[in-house]
N, C-alpha and C. Protein backbone atom coordinates (compact mmCIF):
# COMPACT_ATOMS: atom_id res chain seq x y z
N MET A 1 38.56 38.94 13.01
CA MET A 1 37.31 39.49 13.51
C MET A 1 36.17 38.52 13.23
N ALA A 2 35.47 38.15 14.24
CA ALA A 2 34.32 37.27 14.08
C ALA A 2 33.15 38.06 13.51
N THR A 3 32.36 37.38 12.69
CA THR A 3 31.20 38.07 12.12
C THR A 3 30.10 38.19 13.16
N GLN A 4 29.46 39.34 13.15
CA GLN A 4 28.37 39.60 14.07
C GLN A 4 27.02 39.40 13.41
N SER A 5 27.02 39.39 12.09
CA SER A 5 25.78 39.32 11.33
C SER A 5 26.07 38.68 9.97
N PHE A 6 25.05 38.10 9.38
CA PHE A 6 25.19 37.57 8.02
C PHE A 6 25.61 38.67 7.06
N LYS A 7 25.26 39.91 7.36
CA LYS A 7 25.60 41.04 6.49
C LYS A 7 27.10 41.26 6.40
N ASP A 8 27.86 40.73 7.37
CA ASP A 8 29.32 40.83 7.36
C ASP A 8 29.97 39.82 6.42
N LEU A 9 29.23 38.82 6.00
CA LEU A 9 29.79 37.76 5.17
C LEU A 9 29.93 38.22 3.72
N ILE A 10 31.14 38.08 3.18
CA ILE A 10 31.39 38.48 1.78
C ILE A 10 30.47 37.69 0.85
N VAL A 11 30.25 36.42 1.14
CA VAL A 11 29.40 35.61 0.28
C VAL A 11 27.98 36.16 0.26
N TRP A 12 27.46 36.64 1.39
CA TRP A 12 26.12 37.24 1.40
C TRP A 12 26.13 38.56 0.62
N GLN A 13 27.17 39.36 0.80
CA GLN A 13 27.26 40.65 0.10
C GLN A 13 27.27 40.44 -1.42
N ARG A 14 28.04 39.48 -1.88
CA ARG A 14 28.11 39.20 -3.33
C ARG A 14 26.81 38.57 -3.84
N ALA A 15 26.16 37.76 -3.00
CA ALA A 15 24.87 37.17 -3.38
C ALA A 15 23.81 38.27 -3.49
N LYS A 16 23.87 39.24 -2.60
CA LYS A 16 22.96 40.39 -2.67
C LYS A 16 23.20 41.15 -3.97
N THR A 17 24.46 41.37 -4.32
CA THR A 17 24.80 42.05 -5.57
C THR A 17 24.24 41.28 -6.76
N LEU A 18 24.36 39.96 -6.72
CA LEU A 18 23.82 39.13 -7.80
C LEU A 18 22.33 39.40 -7.96
N TYR A 19 21.59 39.38 -6.86
CA TYR A 19 20.15 39.62 -6.95
C TYR A 19 19.84 41.00 -7.50
N VAL A 20 20.51 42.02 -6.98
CA VAL A 20 20.26 43.39 -7.42
C VAL A 20 20.52 43.54 -8.92
N GLU A 21 21.63 42.97 -9.40
CA GLU A 21 21.98 43.08 -10.81
C GLU A 21 21.02 42.27 -11.69
N ILE A 22 20.59 41.11 -11.23
CA ILE A 22 19.58 40.32 -11.96
C ILE A 22 18.29 41.13 -12.04
N HIS A 23 17.91 41.72 -10.93
CA HIS A 23 16.67 42.52 -10.88
C HIS A 23 16.74 43.66 -11.89
N LYS A 24 17.85 44.36 -11.93
CA LYS A 24 18.02 45.48 -12.88
C LYS A 24 17.95 44.98 -14.32
N ALA A 25 18.63 43.88 -14.60
CA ALA A 25 18.71 43.37 -15.97
C ALA A 25 17.37 42.86 -16.49
N PHE A 26 16.52 42.33 -15.60
CA PHE A 26 15.28 41.70 -16.04
C PHE A 26 14.03 42.50 -15.70
N LYS A 27 14.19 43.71 -15.16
CA LYS A 27 13.02 44.45 -14.68
C LYS A 27 12.00 44.77 -15.76
N ASP A 28 12.43 44.94 -16.99
CA ASP A 28 11.50 45.28 -18.07
C ASP A 28 11.14 44.09 -18.95
N VAL A 29 11.57 42.91 -18.59
CA VAL A 29 11.28 41.71 -19.38
C VAL A 29 9.80 41.38 -19.27
N LYS A 30 9.18 41.16 -20.42
CA LYS A 30 7.74 40.88 -20.45
C LYS A 30 7.41 39.39 -20.32
N ASP A 31 8.43 38.54 -20.42
CA ASP A 31 8.22 37.11 -20.17
C ASP A 31 8.18 36.96 -18.66
N TYR A 32 6.99 37.15 -18.10
CA TYR A 32 6.83 37.23 -16.65
C TYR A 32 7.21 35.94 -15.93
N SER A 33 6.92 34.81 -16.53
CA SER A 33 7.27 33.56 -15.85
C SER A 33 8.78 33.40 -15.76
N PHE A 34 9.50 33.72 -16.84
CA PHE A 34 10.96 33.64 -16.80
C PHE A 34 11.51 34.64 -15.80
N ARG A 35 11.05 35.88 -15.90
CA ARG A 35 11.54 36.94 -15.01
C ARG A 35 11.29 36.59 -13.54
N ASP A 36 10.08 36.16 -13.24
CA ASP A 36 9.75 35.84 -11.85
C ASP A 36 10.58 34.67 -11.33
N GLN A 37 10.81 33.68 -12.18
CA GLN A 37 11.58 32.51 -11.75
C GLN A 37 13.04 32.85 -11.48
N ILE A 38 13.66 33.63 -12.38
CA ILE A 38 15.07 33.98 -12.16
C ILE A 38 15.21 34.91 -10.96
N LEU A 39 14.23 35.78 -10.75
CA LEU A 39 14.27 36.65 -9.57
C LEU A 39 14.11 35.84 -8.28
N ARG A 40 13.20 34.88 -8.29
CA ARG A 40 13.02 34.02 -7.10
C ARG A 40 14.28 33.22 -6.80
N ALA A 41 14.88 32.66 -7.85
CA ALA A 41 16.10 31.87 -7.66
C ALA A 41 17.24 32.75 -7.14
N ALA A 42 17.38 33.94 -7.73
CA ALA A 42 18.45 34.85 -7.30
C ALA A 42 18.23 35.34 -5.88
N LEU A 43 16.99 35.61 -5.50
CA LEU A 43 16.70 36.07 -4.14
C LEU A 43 16.90 34.97 -3.12
N SER A 44 16.71 33.74 -3.55
CA SER A 44 16.90 32.60 -2.67
C SER A 44 18.34 32.49 -2.17
N VAL A 45 19.28 32.96 -2.95
CA VAL A 45 20.69 32.79 -2.59
C VAL A 45 21.04 33.59 -1.33
N PRO A 46 20.91 34.92 -1.30
CA PRO A 46 21.24 35.64 -0.07
C PRO A 46 20.32 35.28 1.09
N ASN A 47 19.06 34.98 0.78
CA ASN A 47 18.12 34.64 1.86
C ASN A 47 18.49 33.33 2.54
N ASN A 48 18.94 32.34 1.78
CA ASN A 48 19.35 31.08 2.40
C ASN A 48 20.64 31.23 3.19
N ILE A 49 21.54 32.08 2.71
CA ILE A 49 22.76 32.35 3.48
C ILE A 49 22.39 32.99 4.81
N ALA A 50 21.51 33.98 4.77
CA ALA A 50 21.08 34.67 5.99
C ALA A 50 20.37 33.72 6.95
N GLU A 51 19.45 32.91 6.42
CA GLU A 51 18.72 32.00 7.29
C GLU A 51 19.64 30.95 7.90
N GLY A 52 20.55 30.41 7.10
CA GLY A 52 21.49 29.43 7.63
C GLY A 52 22.38 30.01 8.71
N TYR A 53 22.85 31.23 8.49
CA TYR A 53 23.69 31.90 9.48
C TYR A 53 22.94 32.07 10.80
N ALA A 54 21.67 32.43 10.69
CA ALA A 54 20.85 32.68 11.89
C ALA A 54 20.59 31.41 12.70
N ARG A 55 20.75 30.24 12.09
CA ARG A 55 20.50 28.98 12.80
C ARG A 55 21.56 28.70 13.86
N ARG A 56 22.73 29.31 13.72
CA ARG A 56 23.83 29.16 14.70
C ARG A 56 24.27 27.72 14.90
N SER A 57 24.18 26.95 13.82
CA SER A 57 24.64 25.56 13.83
C SER A 57 25.37 25.33 12.51
N ASP A 58 26.61 24.86 12.58
CA ASP A 58 27.37 24.63 11.35
C ASP A 58 26.66 23.64 10.43
N LYS A 59 26.04 22.61 11.01
CA LYS A 59 25.35 21.62 10.19
C LYS A 59 24.18 22.27 9.45
N ALA A 60 23.37 23.03 10.15
CA ALA A 60 22.24 23.71 9.51
C ALA A 60 22.73 24.73 8.50
N PHE A 61 23.78 25.46 8.86
CA PHE A 61 24.32 26.49 7.97
C PHE A 61 24.79 25.86 6.66
N LYS A 62 25.51 24.72 6.75
CA LYS A 62 25.97 24.03 5.54
C LYS A 62 24.80 23.63 4.66
N ASN A 63 23.73 23.16 5.29
CA ASN A 63 22.55 22.76 4.53
C ASN A 63 21.97 23.95 3.76
N PHE A 64 21.87 25.09 4.42
CA PHE A 64 21.33 26.28 3.75
C PHE A 64 22.29 26.79 2.67
N LEU A 65 23.59 26.65 2.89
CA LEU A 65 24.55 27.03 1.86
C LEU A 65 24.42 26.12 0.65
N PHE A 66 24.16 24.84 0.90
CA PHE A 66 23.95 23.88 -0.18
C PHE A 66 22.72 24.26 -1.00
N ILE A 67 21.65 24.67 -0.33
CA ILE A 67 20.44 25.12 -1.02
C ILE A 67 20.74 26.38 -1.84
N ALA A 68 21.50 27.31 -1.25
CA ALA A 68 21.88 28.53 -1.96
C ALA A 68 22.68 28.19 -3.21
N LYS A 69 23.58 27.21 -3.10
CA LYS A 69 24.40 26.80 -4.25
C LYS A 69 23.50 26.26 -5.36
N GLY A 70 22.48 25.51 -5.01
CA GLY A 70 21.53 25.03 -6.01
C GLY A 70 20.79 26.16 -6.69
N SER A 71 20.45 27.18 -5.93
CA SER A 71 19.77 28.34 -6.51
C SER A 71 20.68 29.10 -7.46
N VAL A 72 21.97 29.19 -7.13
CA VAL A 72 22.92 29.84 -8.04
C VAL A 72 22.99 29.05 -9.35
N ALA A 73 22.99 27.73 -9.27
CA ALA A 73 23.02 26.91 -10.48
C ALA A 73 21.77 27.16 -11.33
N GLU A 74 20.64 27.32 -10.67
CA GLU A 74 19.40 27.62 -11.40
C GLU A 74 19.51 28.97 -12.11
N VAL A 75 20.05 29.97 -11.43
CA VAL A 75 20.27 31.28 -12.04
C VAL A 75 21.20 31.16 -13.25
N GLU A 76 22.30 30.43 -13.07
CA GLU A 76 23.25 30.25 -14.18
C GLU A 76 22.58 29.59 -15.37
N SER A 77 21.78 28.57 -15.14
CA SER A 77 21.08 27.88 -16.21
C SER A 77 20.17 28.84 -16.97
N MET A 78 19.45 29.65 -16.24
CA MET A 78 18.53 30.60 -16.88
C MET A 78 19.30 31.69 -17.63
N LEU A 79 20.43 32.11 -17.07
CA LEU A 79 21.24 33.11 -17.75
C LEU A 79 21.80 32.58 -19.06
N LEU A 80 22.08 31.29 -19.12
CA LEU A 80 22.59 30.69 -20.35
C LEU A 80 21.54 30.70 -21.46
N MET A 81 20.27 30.67 -21.07
CA MET A 81 19.18 30.69 -22.05
C MET A 81 18.72 32.10 -22.42
N ALA A 82 18.89 33.03 -21.51
CA ALA A 82 18.29 34.37 -21.65
C ALA A 82 18.64 35.09 -22.96
N PRO A 83 19.91 35.12 -23.40
CA PRO A 83 20.18 35.82 -24.67
C PRO A 83 19.52 35.15 -25.88
N GLU A 84 19.43 33.83 -25.85
CA GLU A 84 18.80 33.12 -26.96
C GLU A 84 17.31 33.43 -27.05
N LEU A 85 16.73 33.85 -25.92
CA LEU A 85 15.32 34.23 -25.88
C LEU A 85 15.14 35.74 -26.04
N ASP A 86 16.23 36.43 -26.32
CA ASP A 86 16.23 37.89 -26.48
C ASP A 86 15.72 38.62 -25.24
N LEU A 87 16.09 38.09 -24.07
CA LEU A 87 15.68 38.72 -22.81
C LEU A 87 16.75 39.67 -22.28
N ILE A 88 18.02 39.34 -22.53
CA ILE A 88 19.15 40.19 -22.20
C ILE A 88 20.17 40.04 -23.32
N ASN A 89 21.12 40.96 -23.38
CA ASN A 89 22.15 40.83 -24.41
C ASN A 89 23.33 40.01 -23.90
N LYS A 90 24.21 39.66 -24.78
CA LYS A 90 25.35 38.79 -24.45
C LYS A 90 26.26 39.42 -23.40
N GLU A 91 26.47 40.75 -23.48
CA GLU A 91 27.33 41.43 -22.50
C GLU A 91 26.75 41.34 -21.09
N GLU A 92 25.42 41.56 -20.98
CA GLU A 92 24.77 41.42 -19.68
C GLU A 92 24.91 40.00 -19.16
N GLN A 93 24.73 39.03 -20.06
CA GLN A 93 24.86 37.63 -19.67
C GLN A 93 26.24 37.36 -19.10
N ILE A 94 27.27 37.83 -19.78
CA ILE A 94 28.65 37.58 -19.34
C ILE A 94 28.89 38.20 -17.96
N GLU A 95 28.43 39.42 -17.76
CA GLU A 95 28.61 40.10 -16.47
C GLU A 95 27.88 39.36 -15.34
N LEU A 96 26.64 38.96 -15.61
CA LEU A 96 25.85 38.29 -14.58
C LEU A 96 26.39 36.89 -14.29
N LEU A 97 26.82 36.19 -15.32
CA LEU A 97 27.41 34.86 -15.10
C LEU A 97 28.69 34.95 -14.27
N ALA A 98 29.46 36.00 -14.48
CA ALA A 98 30.70 36.17 -13.70
C ALA A 98 30.38 36.34 -12.22
N ILE A 99 29.35 37.11 -11.90
CA ILE A 99 28.96 37.29 -10.49
C ILE A 99 28.43 35.98 -9.94
N ALA A 100 27.60 35.29 -10.71
CA ALA A 100 27.03 34.01 -10.25
C ALA A 100 28.13 32.99 -9.99
N GLU A 101 29.12 32.93 -10.87
CA GLU A 101 30.22 31.98 -10.69
C GLU A 101 31.05 32.34 -9.46
N GLU A 102 31.24 33.64 -9.22
CA GLU A 102 31.96 34.06 -8.02
C GLU A 102 31.21 33.64 -6.77
N VAL A 103 29.89 33.86 -6.75
CA VAL A 103 29.08 33.47 -5.60
C VAL A 103 29.14 31.96 -5.40
N SER A 104 29.06 31.20 -6.47
CA SER A 104 29.13 29.75 -6.38
C SER A 104 30.46 29.29 -5.76
N LYS A 105 31.55 29.91 -6.20
CA LYS A 105 32.87 29.56 -5.64
C LYS A 105 32.96 29.95 -4.17
N LEU A 106 32.44 31.11 -3.82
CA LEU A 106 32.46 31.54 -2.41
C LEU A 106 31.65 30.58 -1.54
N LEU A 107 30.50 30.15 -2.05
CA LEU A 107 29.67 29.20 -1.30
C LEU A 107 30.42 27.88 -1.10
N MET A 108 31.06 27.41 -2.15
CA MET A 108 31.80 26.14 -2.06
C MET A 108 32.93 26.26 -1.04
N GLY A 109 33.65 27.36 -1.10
CA GLY A 109 34.72 27.58 -0.14
C GLY A 109 34.22 27.63 1.29
N PHE A 110 33.09 28.28 1.48
CA PHE A 110 32.52 28.40 2.82
C PHE A 110 32.08 27.02 3.33
N MET A 111 31.48 26.22 2.45
CA MET A 111 31.05 24.88 2.86
C MET A 111 32.26 24.02 3.22
N LYS A 112 33.34 24.14 2.45
CA LYS A 112 34.56 23.39 2.76
C LYS A 112 35.13 23.82 4.10
N LYS A 113 35.12 25.12 4.36
CA LYS A 113 35.63 25.64 5.63
C LYS A 113 34.82 25.09 6.80
N LEU A 114 33.52 25.09 6.67
CA LEU A 114 32.67 24.56 7.75
C LEU A 114 32.89 23.07 7.93
N SER A 115 33.11 22.34 6.83
CA SER A 115 33.37 20.90 6.93
C SER A 115 34.70 20.64 7.60
N ALA A 116 35.70 21.45 7.30
CA ALA A 116 37.03 21.29 7.91
C ALA A 116 36.96 21.55 9.41
N GLU A 117 36.13 22.49 9.81
CA GLU A 117 36.00 22.80 11.23
C GLU A 117 35.30 21.67 11.98
N ASP A 118 34.49 20.88 11.25
CA ASP A 118 33.81 19.73 11.86
C ASP A 118 34.80 18.62 12.19
N SER A 119 35.88 18.55 11.44
CA SER A 119 36.85 17.45 11.58
C SER A 119 37.65 17.55 12.85
């Protein structure tokens, strides 16, 4: 079945979950600069997937997926620091890192698939 919308993409669905879970975990954090930055980075992931999909060009889509992958790395970096700053607990960190790593792997797989189709 061909996808009709970015919403059909598993990678977008999991990226959306990542943002929602990050939002829940950091909603009460008073370090506003940290909270705002991790939320912006997390929101960038599904938004770049959606925007790339809408371009209807594999080359453009790969570029947006690459940007999304960078945003996931930014989220992961911040998650690695968050417990040390007493912003979230270790269990939350582990859960969120697992989702972020899954999204990163899905993005990589999708980029490889698009590259293979170019060949």
